[in-house]
Every structure is written in structure tokens, then in C-alpha cells.
């Protein structure tokens, strides 16, 4: 009877929007969770295919762990890192799979200018930012988590 009364009080408190102390919630097997939306920006400034594979694997794992709908992921490629975003990249299929899964991948236009590259030289469906460094700064200032594998 005492447990039934406790459960009824918890149900009333939840219905009324009142907080329920964790101990009472556990006793009544009532569990509420809130889903947090995450924002993660990865930097890649290395052209090595193994570094890119590690980054893409990390991004995929983050997406799987939090749930695709609960995380925004952006990969910022600058310096030598944009080499794997070129049309003839050996990682083209891997990058396209990441893009298809909702991971945003952008190339630094400053680096492209320095390397005399145009959008036609790059993989389709990637994005572009004027400056990779500025993009990273702005993302961090906006509260995004910064990762560099």
C-alpha cells in the first residue's frame, strides 16, 4: 500500500510538472531523460589517407553514439587536408558516405586559392568556407566542441 501511494504521488508530481527526487523516481521505476543536442567540429589539416579515415571513423562513431538527429558534425579541411577533397581522392567514396549520413564537410577557400584549385577540382557535395581557421574559431565561440584527430 505504501509503494502504491508513493507511485501515485510521483505520477501526480510528474503530471503537474513538479520535480521528483531521484530516490523516489528510482523506487517507482520512473525515469525521465532529456536529449541534449551536440555540436562537434573536426579539423583536418593533414592529407594522409589514414588520418582522414580515422577522422571519418570518429565522426561516424560520435553520430552513432548520440544519434544522428542529436548531433551536428562539421569537418573543416584546410592546408594539406583539402587534398583528400579533390575530385580524384582515393577517399571519395568514404567522404560521400559521410556526407550522405549528414556530416557536413567543408574546404577552406583560402587554401584552395593558394593551391590554385577551383570548385570543379573538388568532390561534389562538399561545402566551402572562406577561411578554415576563422570557421573553427567561430564554431568554438558558438559553443561547438573542437576535435582534431
C-alpha atoms as a PDB file:
ATOM      1  CA  UNK A   1       0.000   0.000   0.000  1.00  0.00           C
ATOM      2  CA  UNK A   2       2.825   2.368   0.906  1.00  0.00           C
ATOM      3  CA  UNK A   3       4.510   1.768  -2.502  1.00  0.00           C
ATOM      4  CA  UNK A   4       1.218   2.321  -4.314  1.00  0.00           C
ATOM      5  CA  UNK A   5       0.770   5.653  -2.538  1.00  0.00           C
ATOM      6  CA  UNK A   6       4.342   6.666  -3.388  1.00  0.00           C
ATOM      7  CA  UNK A   7       3.786   5.769  -7.071  1.00  0.00           C
ATOM      8  CA  UNK A   8       0.537   7.754  -7.139  1.00  0.00           C
ATOM      9  CA  UNK A   9       2.265  10.812  -5.628  1.00  0.00           C
ATOM     10  CA  UNK A  10       5.086  10.577  -8.167  1.00  0.00           C
ATOM     11  CA  UNK A  11       2.601  10.303 -11.021  1.00  0.00           C
ATOM     12  CA  UNK A  12       0.749  13.399  -9.770  1.00  0.00           C
ATOM     13  CA  UNK A  13       4.038  15.300  -9.411  1.00  0.00           C
ATOM     14  CA  UNK A  14       5.129  14.346 -12.935  1.00  0.00           C
ATOM     15  CA  UNK A  15       1.761  15.280 -14.389  1.00  0.00           C
ATOM     16  CA  UNK A  16       1.910  18.656 -12.640  1.00  0.00           C
ATOM     17  CA  UNK A  17       5.449  19.231 -13.923  1.00  0.00           C
ATOM     18  CA  UNK A  18       6.970  19.059 -10.456  1.00  0.00           C
ATOM     19  CA  UNK A  19      10.441  17.692  -9.872  1.00  0.00           C
ATOM     20  CA  UNK A  20      10.649  14.254  -8.356  1.00  0.00           C
ATOM     21  CA  UNK A  21      13.649  13.436  -6.184  1.00  0.00           C
ATOM     22  CA  UNK A  22      15.821  10.763  -7.851  1.00  0.00           C
ATOM     23  CA  UNK A  23      15.398   8.265  -5.000  1.00  0.00           C
ATOM     24  CA  UNK A  24      11.618   8.391  -5.315  1.00  0.00           C
ATOM     25  CA  UNK A  25      11.796   8.151  -9.082  1.00  0.00           C
ATOM     26  CA  UNK A  26      14.021   5.080  -8.813  1.00  0.00           C
ATOM     27  CA  UNK A  27      11.684   3.471  -6.275  1.00  0.00           C
ATOM     28  CA  UNK A  28       8.758   3.905  -8.616  1.00  0.00           C
ATOM     29  CA  UNK A  29      10.771   2.872 -11.691  1.00  0.00           C
ATOM     30  CA  UNK A  30      10.014   6.255 -13.250  1.00  0.00           C
ATOM     31  CA  UNK A  31      12.840   7.582 -15.345  1.00  0.00           C
ATOM     32  CA  UNK A  32      12.872  10.781 -17.355  1.00  0.00           C
ATOM     33  CA  UNK A  33      15.646  11.762 -19.710  1.00  0.00           C
ATOM     34  CA  UNK A  34      16.254  14.855 -21.738  1.00  0.00           C
ATOM     35  CA  UNK A  35      18.056  14.622 -25.031  1.00  0.00           C
ATOM     36  CA  UNK A  36      20.852  17.106 -25.499  1.00  0.00           C
ATOM     37  CA  UNK A  37      21.754  18.314 -28.979  1.00  0.00           C
ATOM     38  CA  UNK A  38      25.515  18.265 -29.576  1.00  0.00           C
ATOM     39  CA  UNK A  39      27.675  20.303 -31.945  1.00  0.00           C
ATOM     40  CA  UNK A  40      31.099  18.958 -32.944  1.00  0.00           C
ATOM     41  CA  UNK A  41      33.631  20.453 -35.350  1.00  0.00           C
ATOM     42  CA  UNK A  42      36.607  18.413 -36.542  1.00  0.00           C
ATOM     43  CA  UNK A  43      39.748  19.948 -38.010  1.00  0.00           C
ATOM     44  CA  UNK A  44      41.771  18.105 -40.633  1.00  0.00           C
ATOM     45  CA  UNK A  45      44.938  19.705 -41.931  1.00  0.00           C
ATOM     46  CA  UNK A  46      46.696  16.507 -42.935  1.00  0.00           C
ATOM     47  CA  UNK A  47      46.413  14.914 -46.375  1.00  0.00           C
ATOM     48  CA  UNK A  48      47.287  11.378 -45.222  1.00  0.00           C
ATOM     49  CA  UNK A  49      44.515   8.932 -46.043  1.00  0.00           C
ATOM     50  CA  UNK A  50      44.897   7.145 -42.688  1.00  0.00           C
ATOM     51  CA  UNK A  51      44.323  10.421 -40.786  1.00  0.00           C
ATOM     52  CA  UNK A  52      41.212  11.083 -42.862  1.00  0.00           C
ATOM     53  CA  UNK A  53      39.958   7.529 -42.256  1.00  0.00           C
ATOM     54  CA  UNK A  54      40.459   7.982 -38.507  1.00  0.00           C
ATOM     55  CA  UNK A  55      38.598  11.301 -38.572  1.00  0.00           C
ATOM     56  CA  UNK A  56      35.692   9.866 -40.570  1.00  0.00           C
ATOM     57  CA  UNK A  57      35.504   6.850 -38.229  1.00  0.00           C
ATOM     58  CA  UNK A  58      35.474   9.168 -35.191  1.00  0.00           C
ATOM     59  CA  UNK A  59      32.741  11.335 -36.719  1.00  0.00           C
ATOM     60  CA  UNK A  60      30.654   8.259 -37.547  1.00  0.00           C
ATOM     61  CA  UNK A  61      31.058   6.894 -34.015  1.00  0.00           C
ATOM     62  CA  UNK A  62      30.019  10.234 -32.497  1.00  0.00           C
ATOM     63  CA  UNK A  63      26.974  10.267 -34.761  1.00  0.00           C
ATOM     64  CA  UNK A  64      26.063   6.679 -33.820  1.00  0.00           C
ATOM     65  CA  UNK A  65      26.576   7.274 -30.103  1.00  0.00           C
ATOM     66  CA  UNK A  66      24.453  10.420 -29.808  1.00  0.00           C
ATOM     67  CA  UNK A  67      22.041   9.566 -32.608  1.00  0.00           C
ATOM     68  CA  UNK A  68      22.117  11.241 -35.988  1.00  0.00           C
ATOM     69  CA  UNK A  69      19.287  13.579 -35.040  1.00  0.00           C
ATOM     70  CA  UNK A  70      21.032  14.701 -31.833  1.00  0.00           C
ATOM     71  CA  UNK A  71      24.357  15.910 -33.211  1.00  0.00           C
ATOM     72  CA  UNK A  72      25.616  18.360 -35.811  1.00  0.00           C
ATOM     73  CA  UNK A  73      29.043  17.428 -37.149  1.00  0.00           C
ATOM     74  CA  UNK A  74      31.211  19.564 -39.394  1.00  0.00           C
ATOM     75  CA  UNK A  75      34.630  18.659 -40.771  1.00  0.00           C
ATOM     76  CA  UNK A  76      36.799  21.639 -41.697  1.00  0.00           C
ATOM     77  CA  UNK A  77      39.605  20.800 -44.116  1.00  0.00           C
ATOM     78  CA  UNK A  78      42.400  23.311 -44.524  1.00  0.00           C
ATOM     79  CA  UNK A  79      46.016  23.319 -45.617  1.00  0.00           C
ATOM     80  CA  UNK A  80      47.100  19.907 -46.924  1.00  0.00           C
ATOM     81  CA  UNK A  81      43.846  18.477 -45.524  1.00  0.00           C
ATOM     82  CA  UNK A  82      41.900  19.608 -48.572  1.00  0.00           C
ATOM     83  CA  UNK A  83      43.907  17.287 -50.827  1.00  0.00           C
ATOM     84  CA  UNK A  84      41.551  14.405 -49.933  1.00  0.00           C
ATOM     85  CA  UNK A  85      38.602  16.567 -51.036  1.00  0.00           C
ATOM     86  CA  UNK A  86      39.912  16.762 -54.583  1.00  0.00           C
ATOM     87  CA  UNK A  87      37.857  15.055 -57.280  1.00  0.00           C
ATOM     88  CA  UNK A  88      40.413  12.253 -57.721  1.00  0.00           C
ATOM     89  CA  UNK A  89      40.662  11.494 -53.987  1.00  0.00           C
ATOM     90  CA  UNK A  90      41.128   7.834 -53.040  1.00  0.00           C
ATOM     91  CA  UNK A  91      38.696   8.527 -50.190  1.00  0.00           C
ATOM     92  CA  UNK A  92      35.926   9.890 -52.398  1.00  0.00           C
ATOM     93  CA  UNK A  93      33.516   7.048 -51.574  1.00  0.00           C
ATOM     94  CA  UNK A  94      34.195   7.344 -47.822  1.00  0.00           C
ATOM     95  CA  UNK A  95      33.687  11.096 -47.916  1.00  0.00           C
ATOM     96  CA  UNK A  96      30.460  10.720 -49.904  1.00  0.00           C
ATOM     97  CA  UNK A  97      29.170   8.198 -47.344  1.00  0.00           C
ATOM     98  CA  UNK A  98      29.894  10.678 -44.556  1.00  0.00           C
ATOM     99  CA  UNK A  99      28.118  13.429 -46.475  1.00  0.00           C
ATOM    100  CA  UNK A 100      25.148  11.127 -47.106  1.00  0.00           C
ATOM    101  CA  UNK A 101      24.929  10.412 -43.367  1.00  0.00           C
ATOM    102  CA  UNK A 102      24.547  14.123 -42.618  1.00  0.00           C
ATOM    103  CA  UNK A 103      28.128  15.008 -41.756  1.00  0.00           C
ATOM    104  CA  UNK A 104      28.999  18.385 -43.248  1.00  0.00           C
ATOM    105  CA  UNK A 105      32.447  18.597 -44.855  1.00  0.00           C
ATOM    106  CA  UNK A 106      33.857  21.960 -45.903  1.00  0.00           C
ATOM    107  CA  UNK A 107      37.008  23.092 -47.682  1.00  0.00           C
ATOM    108  CA  UNK A 108      38.938  26.266 -46.895  1.00  0.00           C
ATOM    109  CA  UNK A 109      38.769  28.620 -49.879  1.00  0.00           C
ATOM    110  CA  UNK A 110      41.985  30.385 -48.761  1.00  0.00           C
ATOM    111  CA  UNK A 111      43.823  27.084 -49.112  1.00  0.00           C
ATOM    112  CA  UNK A 112      42.140  26.420 -52.450  1.00  0.00           C
ATOM    113  CA  UNK A 113      43.310  29.796 -53.773  1.00  0.00           C
ATOM    114  CA  UNK A 114      46.849  29.115 -52.576  1.00  0.00           C
ATOM    115  CA  UNK A 115      46.793  25.741 -54.363  1.00  0.00           C
ATOM    116  CA  UNK A 116      45.095  27.192 -57.487  1.00  0.00           C
ATOM    117  CA  UNK A 117      42.059  24.922 -57.055  1.00  0.00           C
ATOM    118  CA  UNK A 118      38.500  25.655 -58.132  1.00  0.00           C
ATOM    119  CA  UNK A 119      35.216  24.042 -57.132  1.00  0.00           C
ATOM    120  CA  UNK A 120      35.435  21.954 -60.314  1.00  0.00           C
ATOM    121  CA  UNK A 121      38.597  20.327 -58.911  1.00  0.00           C
ATOM    122  CA  UNK A 122      36.781  19.206 -55.777  1.00  0.00           C
ATOM    123  CA  UNK A 123      34.399  16.397 -54.849  1.00  0.00           C
ATOM    124  CA  UNK A 124      30.756  17.254 -55.453  1.00  0.00           C
ATOM    125  CA  UNK A 125      28.504  17.969 -52.472  1.00  0.00           C
ATOM    126  CA  UNK A 126      31.190  19.312 -50.143  1.00  0.00           C
ATOM    127  CA  UNK A 127      30.803  22.811 -48.772  1.00  0.00           C
ATOM    128  CA  UNK A 128      33.132  25.770 -48.731  1.00  0.00           C
ATOM    129  CA  UNK A 129      34.131  28.363 -46.164  1.00  0.00           C
ATOM    130  CA  UNK A 130      36.190  31.488 -46.872  1.00  0.00           C
ATOM    131  CA  UNK A 131      38.703  30.623 -44.130  1.00  0.00           C
ATOM    132  CA  UNK A 132      39.053  27.295 -42.350  1.00  0.00           C
ATOM    133  CA  UNK A 133      40.753  28.923 -39.360  1.00  0.00           C
ATOM    134  CA  UNK A 134      38.002  31.517 -38.994  1.00  0.00           C
ATOM    135  CA  UNK A 135      35.341  28.785 -39.324  1.00  0.00           C
ATOM    136  CA  UNK A 136      36.952  26.857 -36.452  1.00  0.00           C
ATOM    137  CA  UNK A 137      37.167  29.989 -34.293  1.00  0.00           C
ATOM    138  CA  UNK A 138      33.539  30.886 -34.924  1.00  0.00           C
ATOM    139  CA  UNK A 139      32.338  27.357 -34.200  1.00  0.00           C
ATOM    140  CA  UNK A 140      34.252  27.244 -30.914  1.00  0.00           C
ATOM    141  CA  UNK A 141      32.959  30.674 -29.911  1.00  0.00           C
ATOM    142  CA  UNK A 142      29.430  29.410 -30.622  1.00  0.00           C
ATOM    143  CA  UNK A 143      29.987  26.526 -28.197  1.00  0.00           C
ATOM    144  CA  UNK A 144      30.876  23.719 -30.619  1.00  0.00           C
ATOM    145  CA  UNK A 145      33.221  21.024 -29.318  1.00  0.00           C
ATOM    146  CA  UNK A 146      36.529  21.084 -31.235  1.00  0.00           C
ATOM    147  CA  UNK A 147      38.291  17.837 -32.097  1.00  0.00           C
ATOM    148  CA  UNK A 148      41.435  17.203 -34.069  1.00  0.00           C
ATOM    149  CA  UNK A 149      42.350  13.560 -34.526  1.00  0.00           C
END
